[in-house]
Amino acid sequence: MKKKVIVVDDFENTRWIVQQILQKEPELDVLGAENGVEALKFFNGEPVDLLITDLNMPQMDGIELVAKVRAMDKYRFIPIIMLTTERNPEKKQKALDIKVTTWIQKPFEQGQFRKIVRKVLRLK
């Protein structure tokens, strides 16, 4: 069974690039959302194996999205990657405080990104 990955970013190009990179992994089913409000629709009781989210987005930012996901029993322990251009150390600490698994700075190197995703999903 494929692992379900949700990619959330308000910039369509970034979301598309991340989805294209991850769709090269045959074990992954990659879905996208434009913002946190849209992303929450995927957290409806169905399995989600990884959330990759931007930090700064309209309607609901990444911090609020992660907090809402972590408040749901079924998704409390799924890995979450914050993929962002944000460089503010206070915001990074806030993300880590709400249990973001890891923080990746944009722009990123594709091979390293795929390696991190495979590691957090425990894929060989």
N, C-alpha and C. Protein backbone atom coordinates (compact mmCIF):
# COMPACT_ATOMS: atom_id res chain seq x y z
N MET A 1 0.84 -1.20 0.00
CA MET A 1 0.00 0.00 0.00
C MET A 1 0.88 1.25 0.00
N LYS A 2 0.51 2.21 -0.84
CA LYS A 2 1.29 3.43 -0.94
C LYS A 2 1.13 4.31 0.30
N LYS A 3 2.16 5.08 0.59
CA LYS A 3 2.12 6.06 1.67
C LYS A 3 1.51 7.35 1.14
N LYS A 4 0.54 7.90 1.87
CA LYS A 4 -0.11 9.14 1.44
C LYS A 4 0.65 10.35 1.99
N VAL A 5 1.04 11.24 1.08
CA VAL A 5 1.77 12.46 1.42
C VAL A 5 0.93 13.65 0.99
N ILE A 6 0.73 14.60 1.90
CA ILE A 6 0.00 15.83 1.61
C ILE A 6 1.01 16.97 1.53
N VAL A 7 1.01 17.69 0.40
CA VAL A 7 1.91 18.83 0.19
C VAL A 7 1.06 20.09 0.20
N VAL A 8 1.40 21.03 1.11
CA VAL A 8 0.61 22.25 1.27
C VAL A 8 1.49 23.46 1.03
N ASP A 9 1.15 24.24 0.01
CA ASP A 9 1.89 25.47 -0.29
C ASP A 9 0.99 26.36 -1.11
N ASP A 10 0.95 27.65 -0.77
CA ASP A 10 0.08 28.57 -1.50
C ASP A 10 0.64 28.95 -2.86
N PHE A 11 1.93 28.71 -3.11
CA PHE A 11 2.50 28.96 -4.43
C PHE A 11 2.38 27.70 -5.28
N GLU A 12 1.57 27.80 -6.32
CA GLU A 12 1.29 26.65 -7.17
C GLU A 12 2.56 26.03 -7.73
N ASN A 13 3.53 26.86 -8.16
CA ASN A 13 4.77 26.32 -8.74
C ASN A 13 5.55 25.49 -7.73
N THR A 14 5.65 25.97 -6.51
CA THR A 14 6.37 25.23 -5.47
C THR A 14 5.67 23.91 -5.18
N ARG A 15 4.36 23.97 -5.02
CA ARG A 15 3.57 22.77 -4.76
C ARG A 15 3.75 21.76 -5.89
N TRP A 16 3.71 22.24 -7.13
CA TRP A 16 3.87 21.37 -8.30
C TRP A 16 5.26 20.73 -8.31
N ILE A 17 6.30 21.52 -8.06
CA ILE A 17 7.67 20.98 -8.06
C ILE A 17 7.83 19.90 -7.00
N VAL A 18 7.37 20.18 -5.78
CA VAL A 18 7.49 19.19 -4.70
C VAL A 18 6.71 17.92 -5.06
N GLN A 19 5.53 18.08 -5.61
CA GLN A 19 4.74 16.91 -6.01
C GLN A 19 5.45 16.12 -7.10
N GLN A 20 6.05 16.80 -8.07
CA GLN A 20 6.76 16.11 -9.15
C GLN A 20 7.96 15.33 -8.61
N ILE A 21 8.69 15.93 -7.70
CA ILE A 21 9.85 15.25 -7.09
C ILE A 21 9.39 13.99 -6.38
N LEU A 22 8.34 14.10 -5.57
CA LEU A 22 7.90 12.96 -4.76
C LEU A 22 7.17 11.90 -5.58
N GLN A 23 6.55 12.29 -6.67
CA GLN A 23 5.85 11.30 -7.48
C GLN A 23 6.81 10.35 -8.19
N LYS A 24 8.10 10.67 -8.17
CA LYS A 24 9.11 9.75 -8.72
C LYS A 24 9.33 8.56 -7.80
N GLU A 25 8.84 8.67 -6.57
CA GLU A 25 8.95 7.58 -5.60
C GLU A 25 7.72 6.69 -5.76
N PRO A 26 7.90 5.44 -6.22
CA PRO A 26 6.74 4.58 -6.50
C PRO A 26 5.91 4.23 -5.26
N GLU A 27 6.49 4.38 -4.06
CA GLU A 27 5.77 4.03 -2.83
C GLU A 27 4.86 5.13 -2.34
N LEU A 28 4.86 6.30 -3.03
CA LEU A 28 4.13 7.45 -2.52
C LEU A 28 2.92 7.82 -3.38
N ASP A 29 1.84 8.21 -2.70
CA ASP A 29 0.67 8.81 -3.30
C ASP A 29 0.67 10.26 -2.83
N VAL A 30 0.93 11.20 -3.74
CA VAL A 30 1.15 12.60 -3.36
C VAL A 30 -0.04 13.45 -3.77
N LEU A 31 -0.59 14.17 -2.78
CA LEU A 31 -1.74 15.04 -3.00
C LEU A 31 -1.37 16.46 -2.57
N GLY A 32 -2.00 17.45 -3.18
CA GLY A 32 -1.66 18.83 -2.87
C GLY A 32 -2.83 19.64 -2.35
N ALA A 33 -2.49 20.69 -1.60
CA ALA A 33 -3.48 21.64 -1.09
C ALA A 33 -2.86 23.03 -1.13
N GLU A 34 -3.70 24.03 -1.37
CA GLU A 34 -3.25 25.41 -1.52
C GLU A 34 -3.01 26.12 -0.19
N ASN A 35 -3.67 25.66 0.87
CA ASN A 35 -3.53 26.31 2.18
C ASN A 35 -3.96 25.34 3.27
N GLY A 36 -3.81 25.77 4.50
CA GLY A 36 -4.14 24.91 5.63
C GLY A 36 -5.59 24.51 5.70
N VAL A 37 -6.49 25.41 5.35
CA VAL A 37 -7.92 25.11 5.37
C VAL A 37 -8.22 23.97 4.39
N GLU A 38 -7.68 24.09 3.18
CA GLU A 38 -7.88 23.05 2.17
C GLU A 38 -7.22 21.74 2.60
N ALA A 39 -6.05 21.82 3.21
CA ALA A 39 -5.32 20.62 3.64
C ALA A 39 -6.08 19.84 4.70
N LEU A 40 -6.79 20.52 5.58
CA LEU A 40 -7.50 19.82 6.66
C LEU A 40 -8.54 18.84 6.13
N LYS A 41 -9.00 19.04 4.90
CA LYS A 41 -9.98 18.12 4.31
C LYS A 41 -9.40 16.71 4.15
N PHE A 42 -8.07 16.60 4.06
CA PHE A 42 -7.44 15.28 3.92
C PHE A 42 -7.37 14.55 5.28
N PHE A 43 -7.52 15.29 6.36
CA PHE A 43 -7.42 14.71 7.70
C PHE A 43 -8.83 14.39 8.21
N ASN A 44 -9.45 13.44 7.52
CA ASN A 44 -10.87 13.11 7.74
C ASN A 44 -11.04 11.69 8.27
N GLY A 45 -9.99 11.13 8.85
CA GLY A 45 -10.06 9.76 9.34
C GLY A 45 -9.33 8.78 8.44
N GLU A 46 -9.11 9.17 7.18
CA GLU A 46 -8.35 8.35 6.25
C GLU A 46 -6.87 8.43 6.62
N PRO A 47 -6.09 7.39 6.30
CA PRO A 47 -4.66 7.43 6.63
C PRO A 47 -3.92 8.56 5.88
N VAL A 48 -3.07 9.25 6.60
CA VAL A 48 -2.12 10.21 6.04
C VAL A 48 -0.78 9.86 6.68
N ASP A 49 0.24 9.67 5.86
CA ASP A 49 1.53 9.23 6.37
C ASP A 49 2.55 10.34 6.55
N LEU A 50 2.37 11.47 5.83
CA LEU A 50 3.31 12.58 5.93
C LEU A 50 2.62 13.86 5.49
N LEU A 51 2.88 14.93 6.25
CA LEU A 51 2.42 16.27 5.88
C LEU A 51 3.67 17.11 5.61
N ILE A 52 3.70 17.73 4.44
CA ILE A 52 4.77 18.68 4.10
C ILE A 52 4.07 20.01 3.88
N THR A 53 4.42 21.01 4.70
CA THR A 53 3.70 22.27 4.62
C THR A 53 4.63 23.48 4.63
N ASP A 54 4.20 24.50 3.93
CA ASP A 54 4.84 25.81 3.97
C ASP A 54 4.44 26.45 5.30
N LEU A 55 5.17 27.48 5.69
CA LEU A 55 4.85 28.18 6.93
C LEU A 55 3.90 29.34 6.66
N ASN A 56 4.29 30.24 5.79
CA ASN A 56 3.53 31.47 5.55
C ASN A 56 2.53 31.28 4.41
N MET A 57 1.25 31.18 4.79
CA MET A 57 0.18 31.00 3.81
C MET A 57 -1.04 31.80 4.26
N PRO A 58 -1.88 32.21 3.30
CA PRO A 58 -3.13 32.90 3.67
C PRO A 58 -4.14 31.93 4.27
N GLN A 59 -5.12 32.45 4.93
CA GLN A 59 -6.24 31.73 5.56
C GLN A 59 -5.82 30.93 6.79
N MET A 60 -4.80 30.09 6.67
CA MET A 60 -4.30 29.32 7.81
C MET A 60 -2.82 29.01 7.54
N ASP A 61 -1.95 29.52 8.40
CA ASP A 61 -0.52 29.29 8.17
C ASP A 61 -0.11 27.89 8.61
N GLY A 62 1.13 27.55 8.34
CA GLY A 62 1.63 26.22 8.65
C GLY A 62 1.63 25.89 10.13
N ILE A 63 1.90 26.86 10.97
CA ILE A 63 1.90 26.63 12.42
C ILE A 63 0.50 26.23 12.90
N GLU A 64 -0.50 26.98 12.46
CA GLU A 64 -1.88 26.67 12.86
C GLU A 64 -2.31 25.31 12.30
N LEU A 65 -1.92 25.03 11.05
CA LEU A 65 -2.25 23.74 10.45
C LEU A 65 -1.64 22.59 11.25
N VAL A 66 -0.36 22.71 11.58
CA VAL A 66 0.31 21.65 12.35
C VAL A 66 -0.36 21.48 13.71
N ALA A 67 -0.69 22.58 14.37
CA ALA A 67 -1.35 22.51 15.67
C ALA A 67 -2.68 21.77 15.57
N LYS A 68 -3.46 22.05 14.53
CA LYS A 68 -4.75 21.38 14.35
C LYS A 68 -4.57 19.89 14.05
N VAL A 69 -3.59 19.57 13.22
CA VAL A 69 -3.33 18.16 12.90
C VAL A 69 -2.86 17.41 14.16
N ARG A 70 -1.94 18.01 14.91
CA ARG A 70 -1.43 17.37 16.12
C ARG A 70 -2.51 17.20 17.19
N ALA A 71 -3.58 18.01 17.12
CA ALA A 71 -4.68 17.90 18.09
C ALA A 71 -5.61 16.72 17.78
N MET A 72 -5.47 16.13 16.59
CA MET A 72 -6.31 14.98 16.21
C MET A 72 -5.59 13.69 16.60
N ASP A 73 -6.25 12.88 17.41
CA ASP A 73 -5.63 11.64 17.90
C ASP A 73 -5.02 10.79 16.80
N LYS A 74 -5.72 10.61 15.71
CA LYS A 74 -5.26 9.74 14.63
C LYS A 74 -3.98 10.24 13.96
N TYR A 75 -3.75 11.55 13.99
CA TYR A 75 -2.61 12.14 13.28
C TYR A 75 -1.57 12.75 14.22
N ARG A 76 -1.72 12.53 15.49
CA ARG A 76 -0.86 13.16 16.49
C ARG A 76 0.63 12.88 16.26
N PHE A 77 0.95 11.69 15.73
CA PHE A 77 2.35 11.31 15.63
C PHE A 77 2.86 11.16 14.20
N ILE A 78 2.09 11.61 13.20
CA ILE A 78 2.60 11.50 11.83
C ILE A 78 3.78 12.46 11.65
N PRO A 79 4.72 12.12 10.78
CA PRO A 79 5.81 13.06 10.52
C PRO A 79 5.31 14.29 9.77
N ILE A 80 5.86 15.44 10.14
CA ILE A 80 5.51 16.70 9.49
C ILE A 80 6.80 17.43 9.14
N ILE A 81 6.91 17.83 7.88
CA ILE A 81 8.06 18.59 7.41
C ILE A 81 7.59 20.00 7.09
N MET A 82 8.27 20.99 7.68
CA MET A 82 8.01 22.39 7.36
C MET A 82 9.01 22.76 6.27
N LEU A 83 8.50 23.10 5.08
CA LEU A 83 9.31 23.43 3.92
C LEU A 83 9.05 24.89 3.61
N THR A 84 10.03 25.77 3.90
CA THR A 84 9.73 27.20 3.89
C THR A 84 10.95 28.05 3.55
N THR A 85 10.68 29.27 3.11
CA THR A 85 11.75 30.25 2.90
C THR A 85 12.02 31.04 4.19
N GLU A 86 11.17 30.86 5.17
CA GLU A 86 11.28 31.60 6.44
C GLU A 86 12.63 31.36 7.09
N ARG A 87 13.26 32.45 7.52
CA ARG A 87 14.57 32.36 8.17
C ARG A 87 14.56 32.83 9.62
N ASN A 88 13.41 33.25 10.10
CA ASN A 88 13.28 33.76 11.46
C ASN A 88 13.45 32.62 12.46
N PRO A 89 14.51 32.69 13.32
CA PRO A 89 14.74 31.60 14.27
C PRO A 89 13.60 31.43 15.29
N GLU A 90 12.89 32.50 15.61
CA GLU A 90 11.76 32.39 16.54
C GLU A 90 10.62 31.57 15.93
N LYS A 91 10.37 31.79 14.65
CA LYS A 91 9.31 31.01 13.98
C LYS A 91 9.73 29.55 13.86
N LYS A 92 11.01 29.33 13.58
CA LYS A 92 11.51 27.95 13.50
C LYS A 92 11.33 27.26 14.85
N GLN A 93 11.67 27.95 15.92
CA GLN A 93 11.51 27.37 17.26
C GLN A 93 10.05 27.10 17.57
N LYS A 94 9.18 28.01 17.15
CA LYS A 94 7.74 27.82 17.37
C LYS A 94 7.26 26.54 16.65
N ALA A 95 7.76 26.33 15.43
CA ALA A 95 7.40 25.12 14.68
C ALA A 95 7.92 23.88 15.39
N LEU A 96 9.13 23.93 15.87
CA LEU A 96 9.69 22.78 16.58
C LEU A 96 8.95 22.53 17.89
N ASP A 97 8.51 23.60 18.54
CA ASP A 97 7.76 23.48 19.80
C ASP A 97 6.43 22.75 19.60
N ILE A 98 5.82 22.89 18.43
CA ILE A 98 4.56 22.19 18.19
C ILE A 98 4.79 20.85 17.49
N LYS A 99 6.02 20.38 17.56
CA LYS A 99 6.38 19.02 17.12
C LYS A 99 6.44 18.82 15.61
N VAL A 100 6.98 19.83 14.89
CA VAL A 100 7.32 19.60 13.49
C VAL A 100 8.51 18.66 13.50
N THR A 101 8.48 17.63 12.65
CA THR A 101 9.54 16.62 12.63
C THR A 101 10.86 17.22 12.17
N THR A 102 10.81 18.00 11.09
CA THR A 102 12.01 18.65 10.60
C THR A 102 11.64 19.90 9.81
N TRP A 103 12.62 20.77 9.63
CA TRP A 103 12.47 22.07 8.98
C TRP A 103 13.43 22.07 7.81
N ILE A 104 12.93 22.31 6.60
CA ILE A 104 13.77 22.37 5.42
C ILE A 104 13.65 23.74 4.80
N GLN A 105 14.80 24.35 4.57
CA GLN A 105 14.86 25.70 4.00
C GLN A 105 14.76 25.63 2.48
N LYS A 106 13.89 26.47 1.89
CA LYS A 106 13.84 26.63 0.44
C LYS A 106 14.89 27.67 0.05
N PRO A 107 15.54 27.57 -1.07
CA PRO A 107 15.49 26.45 -2.00
C PRO A 107 16.22 25.24 -1.42
N PHE A 108 15.87 24.07 -1.89
CA PHE A 108 16.46 22.84 -1.37
C PHE A 108 17.01 22.02 -2.52
N GLU A 109 17.88 21.10 -2.20
CA GLU A 109 18.47 20.19 -3.19
C GLU A 109 17.56 18.97 -3.29
N GLN A 110 17.13 18.63 -4.50
CA GLN A 110 16.12 17.59 -4.70
C GLN A 110 16.51 16.23 -4.11
N GLY A 111 17.74 15.81 -4.36
CA GLY A 111 18.17 14.51 -3.86
C GLY A 111 18.15 14.44 -2.34
N GLN A 112 18.61 15.49 -1.69
CA GLN A 112 18.62 15.54 -0.23
C GLN A 112 17.19 15.57 0.30
N PHE A 113 16.31 16.31 -0.37
CA PHE A 113 14.91 16.39 0.04
C PHE A 113 14.27 15.00 -0.03
N ARG A 114 14.45 14.30 -1.13
CA ARG A 114 13.89 12.95 -1.28
C ARG A 114 14.45 12.01 -0.22
N LYS A 115 15.72 12.16 0.11
CA LYS A 115 16.36 11.33 1.13
C LYS A 115 15.70 11.56 2.49
N ILE A 116 15.44 12.83 2.83
CA ILE A 116 14.78 13.16 4.10
C ILE A 116 13.37 12.58 4.14
N VAL A 117 12.63 12.73 3.04
CA VAL A 117 11.26 12.19 2.99
C VAL A 117 11.29 10.68 3.18
N ARG A 118 12.19 10.00 2.49
CA ARG A 118 12.28 8.54 2.62
C ARG A 118 12.64 8.16 4.06
N LYS A 119 13.51 8.94 4.69
CA LYS A 119 13.92 8.64 6.06
C LYS A 119 12.75 8.80 7.04
N VAL A 120 12.01 9.92 6.95
CA VAL A 120 10.91 10.13 7.90
C VAL A 120 9.78 9.13 7.68
N LEU A 121 9.65 8.62 6.45
CA LEU A 121 8.63 7.61 6.17
C LEU A 121 9.14 6.19 6.37
N ARG A 122 10.41 6.06 6.74
CA ARG A 122 11.06 4.77 6.97
C ARG A 122 10.96 3.87 5.75
N LEU A 123 11.26 4.46 4.59
CA LEU A 123 11.32 3.69 3.34
C LEU A 123 12.78 3.30 3.09
N LYS A 124 12.98 2.15 2.50
CA LYS A 124 14.35 1.71 2.22
C LYS A 124 14.88 2.34 0.96
